[in-house]
C-alpha atoms as a PDB file:
ATOM      1  CA  MET A   1     -16.704 -24.767   0.051  1.00  0.00           C
ATOM      2  CA  ASN A   2     -15.156 -26.843  -2.533  1.00  0.00           C
ATOM      3  CA  GLN A   3     -15.053 -30.481  -1.499  1.00  0.00           C
ATOM      4  CA  GLU A   4     -11.510 -30.843  -2.420  1.00  0.00           C
ATOM      5  CA  VAL A   5     -10.551 -28.216   0.458  1.00  0.00           C
ATOM      6  CA  GLY A   6     -12.123 -30.135   3.240  1.00  0.00           C
ATOM      7  CA  VAL A   7     -13.085 -29.013   6.689  1.00  0.00           C
ATOM      8  CA  GLN A   8     -10.051 -29.495   8.481  1.00  0.00           C
ATOM      9  CA  SER A   9      -7.780 -27.948   5.979  1.00  0.00           C
ATOM     10  CA  THR A  10      -6.135 -24.293   6.541  1.00  0.00           C
ATOM     11  CA  SER A  11      -6.342 -22.108   3.228  1.00  0.00           C
ATOM     12  CA  ARG A  12      -3.113 -20.269   2.616  1.00  0.00           C
ATOM     13  CA  ALA A  13      -4.498 -18.802  -0.507  1.00  0.00           C
ATOM     14  CA  VAL A  14      -2.719 -15.211  -1.066  1.00  0.00           C
ATOM     15  CA  LEU A  15      -5.571 -12.529  -2.560  1.00  0.00           C
ATOM     16  CA  ILE A  16      -3.595  -9.278  -3.585  1.00  0.00           C
ATOM     17  CA  THR A  17      -4.998  -6.011  -4.201  1.00  0.00           C
ATOM     18  CA  GLY A  18      -3.787  -3.488  -6.870  1.00  0.00           C
ATOM     19  CA  CYS A  19      -1.802  -5.922  -9.108  1.00  0.00           C
ATOM     20  CA  SER A  20      -1.802  -3.854 -12.221  1.00  0.00           C
ATOM     21  CA  SER A  21       1.370  -2.353 -11.896  1.00  0.00           C
ATOM     22  CA  GLY A  22       4.478  -1.839  -9.430  1.00  0.00           C
ATOM     23  CA  ILE A  23       4.668  -3.427  -6.180  1.00  0.00           C
ATOM     24  CA  GLY A  24       1.261  -5.627  -6.620  1.00  0.00           C
ATOM     25  CA  TRP A  25       2.621  -6.949  -9.835  1.00  0.00           C
ATOM     26  CA  ALA A  26       6.043  -7.723  -8.755  1.00  0.00           C
ATOM     27  CA  THR A  27       4.563  -9.224  -5.771  1.00  0.00           C
ATOM     28  CA  ALA A  28       2.096 -11.440  -7.492  1.00  0.00           C
ATOM     29  CA  GLU A  29       4.600 -12.641  -9.894  1.00  0.00           C
ATOM     30  CA  HIS A  30       7.335 -13.414  -7.097  1.00  0.00           C
ATOM     31  CA  LEU A  31       4.987 -15.452  -4.826  1.00  0.00           C
ATOM     32  CA  ALA A  32       3.564 -17.067  -7.888  1.00  0.00           C
ATOM     33  CA  ALA A  33       7.084 -18.327  -8.485  1.00  0.00           C
ATOM     34  CA  ARG A  34       7.893 -19.518  -5.141  1.00  0.00           C
ATOM     35  CA  GLY A  35       4.853 -21.685  -5.161  1.00  0.00           C
ATOM     36  CA  HIS A  36       2.343 -19.359  -3.382  1.00  0.00           C
ATOM     37  CA  ASN A  37      -1.264 -19.914  -4.387  1.00  0.00           C
ATOM     38  CA  VAL A  38      -2.125 -16.398  -5.780  1.00  0.00           C
ATOM     39  CA  TYR A  39      -4.972 -14.808  -6.563  1.00  0.00           C
ATOM     40  CA  ALA A  40      -4.076 -11.606  -8.429  1.00  0.00           C
ATOM     41  CA  THR A  41      -6.597  -8.666  -8.885  1.00  0.00           C
ATOM     42  CA  ALA A  42      -7.266  -5.379 -10.615  1.00  0.00           C
ATOM     43  CA  ARG A  43     -10.323  -3.287 -11.551  1.00  0.00           C
ATOM     44  CA  ARG A  44      -9.842  -4.554 -15.181  1.00  0.00           C
ATOM     45  CA  VAL A  45      -8.750  -8.104 -15.510  1.00  0.00           C
ATOM     46  CA  GLU A  46      -7.242  -7.497 -18.845  1.00  0.00           C
ATOM     47  CA  ALA A  47      -4.508  -5.371 -17.338  1.00  0.00           C
ATOM     48  CA  ILE A  48      -2.902  -8.325 -15.300  1.00  0.00           C
ATOM     49  CA  ALA A  49      -3.399 -11.076 -18.042  1.00  0.00           C
ATOM     50  CA  PRO A  50       0.041 -11.869 -18.482  1.00  0.00           C
ATOM     51  CA  LEU A  51      -0.050 -12.863 -14.491  1.00  0.00           C
ATOM     52  CA  GLU A  52      -1.686 -15.934 -15.455  1.00  0.00           C
ATOM     53  CA  ALA A  53       1.355 -17.093 -17.300  1.00  0.00           C
ATOM     54  CA  SER A  54       3.168 -16.763 -14.335  1.00  0.00           C
ATOM     55  CA  GLY A  55       1.062 -18.940 -12.336  1.00  0.00           C
ATOM     56  CA  CYS A  56      -1.580 -16.384 -10.761  1.00  0.00           C
ATOM     57  CA  LYS A  57      -5.147 -16.904 -10.621  1.00  0.00           C
ATOM     58  CA  LEU A  58      -6.882 -13.552 -11.997  1.00  0.00           C
ATOM     59  CA  LEU A  59      -9.920 -11.865 -10.179  1.00  0.00           C
ATOM     60  CA  GLU A  60     -11.667  -8.385 -11.000  1.00  0.00           C
ATOM     61  CA  LEU A  61     -11.688  -6.298  -7.993  1.00  0.00           C
ATOM     62  CA  ASP A  62     -12.450  -2.914  -7.261  1.00  0.00           C
ATOM     63  CA  VAL A  63     -11.776  -1.821  -3.651  1.00  0.00           C
ATOM     64  CA  THR A  64     -13.984   1.197  -4.044  1.00  0.00           C
ATOM     65  CA  ASP A  65     -16.916  -1.110  -4.858  1.00  0.00           C
ATOM     66  CA  GLU A  66     -18.803  -3.110  -2.305  1.00  0.00           C
ATOM     67  CA  GLY A  67     -20.046  -5.449  -4.545  1.00  0.00           C
ATOM     68  CA  SER A  68     -16.564  -6.016  -6.304  1.00  0.00           C
ATOM     69  CA  MET A  69     -15.034  -6.794  -2.949  1.00  0.00           C
ATOM     70  CA  ARG A  70     -17.591  -9.282  -1.950  1.00  0.00           C
ATOM     71  CA  ASP A  71     -17.703 -11.127  -5.190  1.00  0.00           C
ATOM     72  CA  ALA A  72     -13.975 -11.351  -5.245  1.00  0.00           C
ATOM     73  CA  ILE A  73     -13.721 -12.798  -1.872  1.00  0.00           C
ATOM     74  CA  ALA A  74     -16.548 -15.097  -2.150  1.00  0.00           C
ATOM     75  CA  GLU A  75     -14.881 -16.592  -5.240  1.00  0.00           C
ATOM     76  CA  VAL A  76     -11.695 -17.240  -3.409  1.00  0.00           C
ATOM     77  CA  GLU A  77     -13.713 -18.721  -0.442  1.00  0.00           C
ATOM     78  CA  ARG A  78     -15.819 -20.854  -2.679  1.00  0.00           C
ATOM     79  CA  ILE A  79     -12.465 -22.549  -4.170  1.00  0.00           C
ATOM     80  CA  GLU A  80      -9.984 -22.342  -0.855  1.00  0.00           C
ATOM     81  CA  GLY A  81     -12.455 -22.071   2.081  1.00  0.00           C
ATOM     82  CA  ALA A  82     -11.206 -18.894   3.069  1.00  0.00           C
ATOM     83  CA  VAL A  83      -8.441 -16.191   2.187  1.00  0.00           C
ATOM     84  CA  GLY A  84      -5.373 -17.376   4.120  1.00  0.00           C
ATOM     85  CA  ILE A  85      -3.328 -14.177   3.247  1.00  0.00           C
ATOM     86  CA  LEU A  86      -4.742 -10.849   2.142  1.00  0.00           C
ATOM     87  CA  ILE A  87      -2.188  -8.316   0.886  1.00  0.00           C
ATOM     88  CA  ASN A  88      -3.874  -4.751   0.802  1.00  0.00           C
ATOM     89  CA  ASN A  89      -1.436  -3.053  -1.737  1.00  0.00           C
ATOM     90  CA  ALA A  90      -4.110  -0.986  -3.848  1.00  0.00           C
ATOM     91  CA  GLY A  91      -3.502   2.790  -3.649  1.00  0.00           C
ATOM     92  CA  PHE A  92      -2.307   5.862  -5.048  1.00  0.00           C
ATOM     93  CA  SER A  93      -0.913   9.262  -4.108  1.00  0.00           C
ATOM     94  CA  GLN A  94      -2.831  12.713  -4.516  1.00  0.00           C
ATOM     95  CA  SER A  95      -0.612  15.142  -4.034  1.00  0.00           C
ATOM     96  CA  GLY A  96      -1.538  18.942  -3.632  1.00  0.00           C
ATOM     97  CA  PRO A  97      -1.659  21.834  -1.052  1.00  0.00           C
ATOM     98  CA  ILE A  98      -4.411  21.301   1.454  1.00  0.00           C
ATOM     99  CA  GLU A  99      -6.054  24.321   0.625  1.00  0.00           C
ATOM    100  CA  GLU A 100      -6.728  23.698  -3.067  1.00  0.00           C
ATOM    101  CA  VAL A 101      -7.167  19.901  -3.455  1.00  0.00           C
ATOM    102  CA  PRO A 102     -10.747  19.351  -4.533  1.00  0.00           C
ATOM    103  CA  ILE A 103     -12.642  17.564  -1.787  1.00  0.00           C
ATOM    104  CA  ASP A 104     -13.901  14.886  -3.952  1.00  0.00           C
ATOM    105  CA  LEU A 105     -10.328  13.981  -4.868  1.00  0.00           C
ATOM    106  CA  VAL A 106      -9.537  13.962  -1.302  1.00  0.00           C
ATOM    107  CA  ARG A 107     -12.736  11.554  -0.776  1.00  0.00           C
ATOM    108  CA  ARG A 108     -11.271   9.283  -3.486  1.00  0.00           C
ATOM    109  CA  GLN A 109      -7.785   9.111  -2.000  1.00  0.00           C
ATOM    110  CA  PHE A 110      -9.426   7.896   1.318  1.00  0.00           C
ATOM    111  CA  GLU A 111     -11.771   5.701  -0.375  1.00  0.00           C
ATOM    112  CA  THR A 112      -9.003   3.711  -2.356  1.00  0.00           C
ATOM    113  CA  ASN A 113      -6.209   3.891   0.611  1.00  0.00           C
ATOM    114  CA  VAL A 114      -8.153   3.498   3.597  1.00  0.00           C
ATOM    115  CA  PHE A 115     -11.650   2.666   3.028  1.00  0.00           C
ATOM    116  CA  GLY A 116     -11.128   0.029   0.688  1.00  0.00           C
ATOM    117  CA  LEU A 117      -8.396  -1.761   3.013  1.00  0.00           C
ATOM    118  CA  VAL A 118     -10.517  -1.724   5.953  1.00  0.00           C
ATOM    119  CA  ARG A 119     -13.426  -3.015   3.859  1.00  0.00           C
ATOM    120  CA  MET A 120     -11.430  -6.049   2.565  1.00  0.00           C
ATOM    121  CA  CYS A 121      -9.855  -6.816   6.176  1.00  0.00           C
ATOM    122  CA  GLN A 122     -13.562  -6.908   7.444  1.00  0.00           C
ATOM    123  CA  LEU A 123     -14.802  -9.021   4.785  1.00  0.00           C
ATOM    124  CA  VAL A 124     -11.696 -11.679   4.985  1.00  0.00           C
ATOM    125  CA  LEU A 125     -11.581 -11.776   8.545  1.00  0.00           C
ATOM    126  CA  PRO A 126     -14.649 -14.393   9.264  1.00  0.00           C
ATOM    127  CA  GLY A 127     -12.952 -17.045   7.135  1.00  0.00           C
ATOM    128  CA  MET A 128      -9.335 -16.579   8.781  1.00  0.00           C
ATOM    129  CA  ARG A 129     -11.034 -16.651  12.150  1.00  0.00           C
ATOM    130  CA  ARG A 130     -12.944 -19.923  11.380  1.00  0.00           C
ATOM    131  CA  GLN A 131      -9.771 -21.638  10.171  1.00  0.00           C
ATOM    132  CA  GLY A 132      -7.736 -20.417  12.967  1.00  0.00           C
ATOM    133  CA  PHE A 133      -5.058 -18.582  10.550  1.00  0.00           C
ATOM    134  CA  GLY A 134      -4.746 -15.803   8.602  1.00  0.00           C
ATOM    135  CA  LYS A 135      -2.182 -12.924   7.781  1.00  0.00           C
ATOM    136  CA  ILE A 136      -3.192  -9.362   6.704  1.00  0.00           C
ATOM    137  CA  ILE A 137      -0.341  -7.466   4.907  1.00  0.00           C
ATOM    138  CA  ASN A 138      -1.136  -3.662   4.646  1.00  0.00           C
ATOM    139  CA  LEU A 139       1.025  -1.725   2.435  1.00  0.00           C
ATOM    140  CA  SER A 140       1.578   1.509   4.356  1.00  0.00           C
ATOM    141  CA  SER A 141       4.741   3.560   3.584  1.00  0.00           C
ATOM    142  CA  MET A 142       7.741   5.525   5.411  1.00  0.00           C
ATOM    143  CA  GLY A 143       5.228   8.223   4.622  1.00  0.00           C
ATOM    144  CA  GLY A 144       2.777   6.606   7.378  1.00  0.00           C
ATOM    145  CA  LYS A 145       5.523   8.097   9.859  1.00  0.00           C
ATOM    146  CA  LEU A 146       6.480  11.267   8.354  1.00  0.00           C
ATOM    147  CA  THR A 147       4.917  13.995   5.983  1.00  0.00           C
ATOM    148  CA  PHE A 148       6.578  15.725   2.808  1.00  0.00           C
ATOM    149  CA  PRO A 149       5.182  19.241   1.811  1.00  0.00           C
ATOM    150  CA  GLY A 150       2.500  18.846  -0.677  1.00  0.00           C
ATOM    151  CA  GLY A 151       1.554  15.226   0.311  1.00  0.00           C
ATOM    152  CA  GLY A 152      -0.694  15.567   3.035  1.00  0.00           C
ATOM    153  CA  PHE A 153      -3.826  13.891   2.042  1.00  0.00           C
ATOM    154  CA  TYR A 154      -1.505  10.791   0.747  1.00  0.00           C
ATOM    155  CA  HIS A 155       0.358  10.735   4.299  1.00  0.00           C
ATOM    156  CA  ALA A 156      -2.811  11.208   5.937  1.00  0.00           C
ATOM    157  CA  THR A 157      -4.025   7.993   4.423  1.00  0.00           C
ATOM    158  CA  LYS A 158      -0.723   5.866   5.363  1.00  0.00           C
ATOM    159  CA  HIS A 159      -0.906   7.212   8.663  1.00  0.00           C
ATOM    160  CA  ALA A 160      -4.437   6.005   9.181  1.00  0.00           C
ATOM    161  CA  VAL A 161      -3.296   2.501   7.647  1.00  0.00           C
ATOM    162  CA  GLU A 162      -0.655   2.486  10.703  1.00  0.00           C
ATOM    163  CA  ALA A 163      -3.444   3.293  13.145  1.00  0.00           C
ATOM    164  CA  ILE A 164      -5.798   0.821  11.814  1.00  0.00           C
ATOM    165  CA  SER A 165      -3.138  -1.803  11.635  1.00  0.00           C
ATOM    166  CA  ASP A 166      -2.028  -1.438  15.095  1.00  0.00           C
ATOM    167  CA  ALA A 167      -5.392  -1.626  16.480  1.00  0.00           C
ATOM    168  CA  LEU A 168      -6.188  -4.728  14.210  1.00  0.00           C
ATOM    169  CA  ARG A 169      -3.268  -6.630  15.109  1.00  0.00           C
ATOM    170  CA  PHE A 170      -4.262  -6.373  18.976  1.00  0.00           C
ATOM    171  CA  GLU A 171      -7.861  -7.300  18.156  1.00  0.00           C
ATOM    172  CA  VAL A 172      -7.242 -10.556  15.992  1.00  0.00           C
ATOM    173  CA  ALA A 173      -4.226 -12.045  17.429  1.00  0.00           C
ATOM    174  CA  GLY A 174      -6.268 -14.279  19.706  1.00  0.00           C
ATOM    175  CA  PHE A 175      -7.954 -15.805  16.618  1.00  0.00           C
ATOM    176  CA  GLY A 176      -4.641 -16.937  14.814  1.00  0.00           C
ATOM    177  CA  VAL A 177      -4.610 -14.102  12.673  1.00  0.00           C
ATOM    178  CA  GLU A 178      -1.575 -11.678  12.246  1.00  0.00           C
ATOM    179  CA  VAL A 179      -1.427  -8.232  10.713  1.00  0.00           C
ATOM    180  CA  VAL A 180       1.758  -6.771   9.295  1.00  0.00           C
ATOM    181  CA  VAL A 181       2.447  -3.261   7.996  1.00  0.00           C
ATOM    182  CA  ILE A 182       4.990  -2.821   5.200  1.00  0.00           C
ATOM    183  CA  GLU A 183       6.720   0.325   5.048  1.00  0.00           C
ATOM    184  CA  PRO A 184       8.415   0.902   1.707  1.00  0.00           C
ATOM    185  CA  GLY A 185      10.772   3.904   1.209  1.00  0.00           C
ATOM    186  CA  ILE A 186      11.811   5.313  -2.135  1.00  0.00           C
ATOM    187  CA  ILE A 187      10.735   2.375  -4.809  1.00  0.00           C
ATOM    188  CA  ARG A 188      11.203   3.077  -8.347  1.00  0.00           C
ATOM    189  CA  THR A 189       7.616   2.638  -9.850  1.00  0.00           C
ATOM    190  CA  GLY A 190       5.308   4.950 -11.727  1.00  0.00           C
ATOM    191  CA  PHE A 191       4.742   6.657  -8.153  1.00  0.00           C
ATOM    192  CA  ALA A 192       6.443   9.748  -8.616  1.00  0.00           C
ATOM    193  CA  ASP A 193       5.031  10.433 -11.853  1.00  0.00           C
ATOM    194  CA  VAL A 194       1.525   9.858 -10.662  1.00  0.00           C
ATOM    195  CA  ALA A 195       2.135  12.167  -7.570  1.00  0.00           C
ATOM    196  CA  ALA A 196       3.600  15.000  -9.433  1.00  0.00           C
ATOM    197  CA  GLY A 197       1.191  14.757 -12.154  1.00  0.00           C
ATOM    198  CA  SER A 198      -1.711  15.199  -9.481  1.00  0.00           C
ATOM    199  CA  LEU A 199      -0.210  18.567  -8.547  1.00  0.00           C
ATOM    200  CA  GLY A 200      -1.676  19.947 -11.921  1.00  0.00           C
ATOM    201  CA  ASN A 201      -4.884  20.743 -10.060  1.00  0.00           C
ATOM    202  CA  THR A 202      -3.082  23.369  -8.248  1.00  0.00           C
ATOM    203  CA  ALA A 203      -4.413  26.784  -9.517  1.00  0.00           C
ATOM    204  CA  SER A 204      -2.081  28.374 -12.168  1.00  0.00           C
ATOM    205  CA  GLY A 205      -0.844  31.598 -11.058  1.00  0.00           C
ATOM    206  CA  GLY A 206      -2.735  31.288  -7.520  1.00  0.00           C
ATOM    207  CA  PRO A 207      -0.806  31.458  -4.204  1.00  0.00           C
ATOM    208  CA  TYR A 208       0.451  27.847  -4.325  1.00  0.00           C
ATOM    209  CA  ALA A 209       1.629  27.652  -7.999  1.00  0.00           C
ATOM    210  CA  GLU A 210       5.458  28.041  -7.305  1.00  0.00           C
ATOM    211  CA  PHE A 211       5.641  25.771  -4.450  1.00  0.00           C
ATOM    212  CA  ALA A 212       3.494  23.239  -6.182  1.00  0.00           C
ATOM    213  CA  ALA A 213       5.890  23.109  -9.243  1.00  0.00           C
ATOM    214  CA  ALA A 214       8.890  22.872  -6.808  1.00  0.00           C
ATOM    215  CA  VAL A 215       7.329  19.730  -5.196  1.00  0.00           C
ATOM    216  CA  ALA A 216       6.671  18.023  -8.489  1.00  0.00           C
ATOM    217  CA  ARG A 217      10.059  18.690  -9.441  1.00  0.00           C
ATOM    218  CA  MET A 218      11.387  17.534  -6.153  1.00  0.00           C
ATOM    219  CA  THR A 219       9.581  14.283  -6.307  1.00  0.00           C
ATOM    220  CA  LYS A 220      10.618  13.100  -9.560  1.00  0.00           C
ATOM    221  CA  GLU A 221      14.252  13.970  -8.641  1.00  0.00           C
ATOM    222  CA  THR A 222      14.021  12.152  -5.463  1.00  0.00           C
ATOM    223  CA  TYR A 223      12.688   9.150  -6.918  1.00  0.00           C
ATOM    224  CA  GLU A 224      14.814   9.189 -10.175  1.00  0.00           C
ATOM    225  CA  ARG A 225      18.046  10.673  -9.480  1.00  0.00           C
ATOM    226  CA  GLY A 226      18.607  12.426  -6.082  1.00  0.00           C
ATOM    227  CA  PRO A 227      20.813  11.188  -3.356  1.00  0.00           C
ATOM    228  CA  LEU A 228      17.859   9.460  -1.457  1.00  0.00           C
ATOM    229  CA  ALA A 229      17.026   7.370  -4.932  1.00  0.00           C
ATOM    230  CA  ARG A 230      20.694   5.890  -4.418  1.00  0.00           C
ATOM    231  CA  LEU A 231      19.306   4.430  -0.928  1.00  0.00           C
ATOM    232  CA  GLY A 232      15.958   3.282  -2.638  1.00  0.00           C
ATOM    233  CA  GLY A 233      15.097   0.095  -4.649  1.00  0.00           C
ATOM    234  CA  GLY A 234      12.598  -1.507  -7.145  1.00  0.00           C
ATOM    235  CA  PRO A 235       9.339  -3.151  -6.497  1.00  0.00           C
ATOM    236  CA  ASP A 236      10.961  -6.630  -6.154  1.00  0.00           C
ATOM    237  CA  ALA A 237      12.507  -5.336  -2.634  1.00  0.00           C
ATOM    238  CA  VAL A 238       9.116  -4.844  -1.481  1.00  0.00           C
ATOM    239  CA  ALA A 239       7.878  -8.194  -2.781  1.00  0.00           C
ATOM    240  CA  HIS A 240      10.848 -10.063  -1.183  1.00  0.00           C
ATOM    241  CA  THR A 241       9.835  -8.312   2.014  1.00  0.00           C
ATOM    242  CA  ILE A 242       6.211  -9.497   1.807  1.00  0.00           C
ATOM    243  CA  GLU A 243       7.302 -13.046   1.231  1.00  0.00           C
ATOM    244  CA  GLN A 244       9.311 -12.796   4.191  1.00  0.00           C
ATOM    245  CA  ALA A 245       6.456 -11.557   6.340  1.00  0.00           C
ATOM    246  CA  ILE A 246       3.869 -14.175   5.069  1.00  0.00           C
ATOM    247  CA  SER A 247       6.486 -17.307   5.358  1.00  0.00           C
ATOM    248  CA  SER A 248       7.519 -16.269   8.908  1.00  0.00           C
ATOM    249  CA  PRO A 249       5.781 -18.693  11.525  1.00  0.00           C
ATOM    250  CA  ARG A 250       5.841 -15.389  13.464  1.00  0.00           C
ATOM    251  CA  SER A 251       5.840 -12.291  11.516  1.00  0.00           C
ATOM    252  CA  ARG A 252       6.957  -8.784  12.985  1.00  0.00           C
ATOM    253  CA  GLY A 253       4.534  -6.081  13.075  1.00  0.00           C
ATOM    254  CA  ARG A 254       6.362  -3.960  10.686  1.00  0.00           C
ATOM    255  CA  TYR A 255       8.922  -4.339   7.713  1.00  0.00           C
ATOM    256  CA  PRO A 256      10.770  -1.076   6.614  1.00  0.00           C
ATOM    257  CA  VAL A 257      11.971  -1.612   3.182  1.00  0.00           C
ATOM    258  CA  THR A 258      15.018  -0.044   1.795  1.00  0.00           C
ATOM    259  CA  PRO A 259      17.692   2.056   3.698  1.00  0.00           C
ATOM    260  CA  SER A 260      15.808   5.482   2.670  1.00  0.00           C
ATOM    261  CA  ALA A 261      12.789   4.358   4.686  1.00  0.00           C
ATOM    262  CA  ARG A 262      14.931   3.578   7.701  1.00  0.00           C
ATOM    263  CA  LEU A 263      17.046   6.713   7.584  1.00  0.00           C
ATOM    264  CA  LEU A 264      14.005   9.163   7.070  1.00  0.00           C
ATOM    265  CA  MET A 265      11.821   7.370   9.668  1.00  0.00           C
ATOM    266  CA  TRP A 266      14.879   7.480  12.000  1.00  0.00           C
ATOM    267  CA  ALA A 267      15.410  11.420  11.228  1.00  0.00           C
ATOM    268  CA  ARG A 268      11.606  12.144  11.975  1.00  0.00           C
ATOM    269  CA  LYS A 269      11.751  10.182  15.198  1.00  0.00           C
ATOM    270  CA  VAL A 270      14.650  11.875  16.560  1.00  0.00           C
ATOM    271  CA  LEU A 271      14.135  15.413  15.032  1.00  0.00           C
ATOM    272  CA  PRO A 272      11.730  18.022  16.930  1.00  0.00           C
ATOM    273  CA  ASP A 273       9.240  19.620  14.840  1.00  0.00           C
ATOM    274  CA  ARG A 274      11.080  22.674  14.112  1.00  0.00           C
ATOM    275  CA  ALA A 275      14.106  20.829  13.407  1.00  0.00           C
ATOM    276  CA  TRP A 276      12.081  18.714  10.770  1.00  0.00           C
ATOM    277  CA  ASP A 277      10.483  21.820   9.430  1.00  0.00           C
ATOM    278  CA  ALA A 278      13.890  23.424   8.972  1.00  0.00           C
ATOM    279  CA  PHE A 279      15.308  20.199   7.112  1.00  0.00           C
ATOM    280  CA  LEU A 280      12.136  20.525   4.815  1.00  0.00           C
ATOM    281  CA  ARG A 281      12.522  24.312   4.049  1.00  0.00           C
ATOM    282  CA  SER A 282      16.190  23.299   2.764  1.00  0.00           C
ATOM    283  CA  ARG A 283      14.570  21.266  -0.017  1.00  0.00           C
ATOM    284  CA  PHE A 284      11.266  22.864  -0.723  1.00  0.00           C
ATOM    285  CA  PRO A 285      10.243  26.379  -1.137  1.00  0.00           C
ATOM    286  CA  GLN A 286       7.695  27.599   1.609  1.00  0.00           C
ATOM    287  CA  PRO A 287       4.616  29.100   0.396  1.00  0.00           C
ATOM    288  CA  GLY A 288       3.976  32.451   1.483  1.00  0.00           C
ATOM    289  CA  ARG A 289       3.900  36.311   0.609  1.00  0.00           C
END
């Protein structure tokens, strides 16, 4: 431990994964501007170099690589004594029909969105427990409470994040560690382009070709110009919510972000499965003969 830290001090250093764009970038920039001690990370540090001018410290971190995760956390602990606040933001969307998405891409989706998040939690918790304080902020989605056609594997990872966070919240509360789930709705980032682009793995002319094309089109319309887009927001909305969660003396377990998240999660909660499926059929073509 750095001598300046002192044995009795409590680290509130913030470590954020996946800062190369979107929510991660906005959160790092926003928290640093508000005086938080931020360690912004990405697989390639050069991709986040401008964040240094915003007051962030930069670290290389790949949440699919054990050595990379250990090294980044060890560096923060060397300087600060512990990671005080972990923001698990790294993730991406792999879309496509369940039958046709190559299994290696499914594994990659879970490695990034779930297993990396879990391992980061495991690695920071000993330091948090030692100092009797910590906050773990896990980026889920409204997609952790509902599922859109063509997004089964992405939604599965977010459902997993919700379950893991619920279990972890109970397990670590007695050590002074809080676990918070952030549930963004429609957020205008590059998400829609990535999700729609990943549908290119669907076989051309296959049984799901028309369905995949419609899902790609609807995804872009939903995020860019559809009715729900007006109920969405930018990545700054998520950054503000994260700051609210980490600044609160007693954080809530969940923070929905944007009216679109509240509306759709409420609809999924109250609608029976058949009614929800009927709603989806009104917006997406259903594969079949």
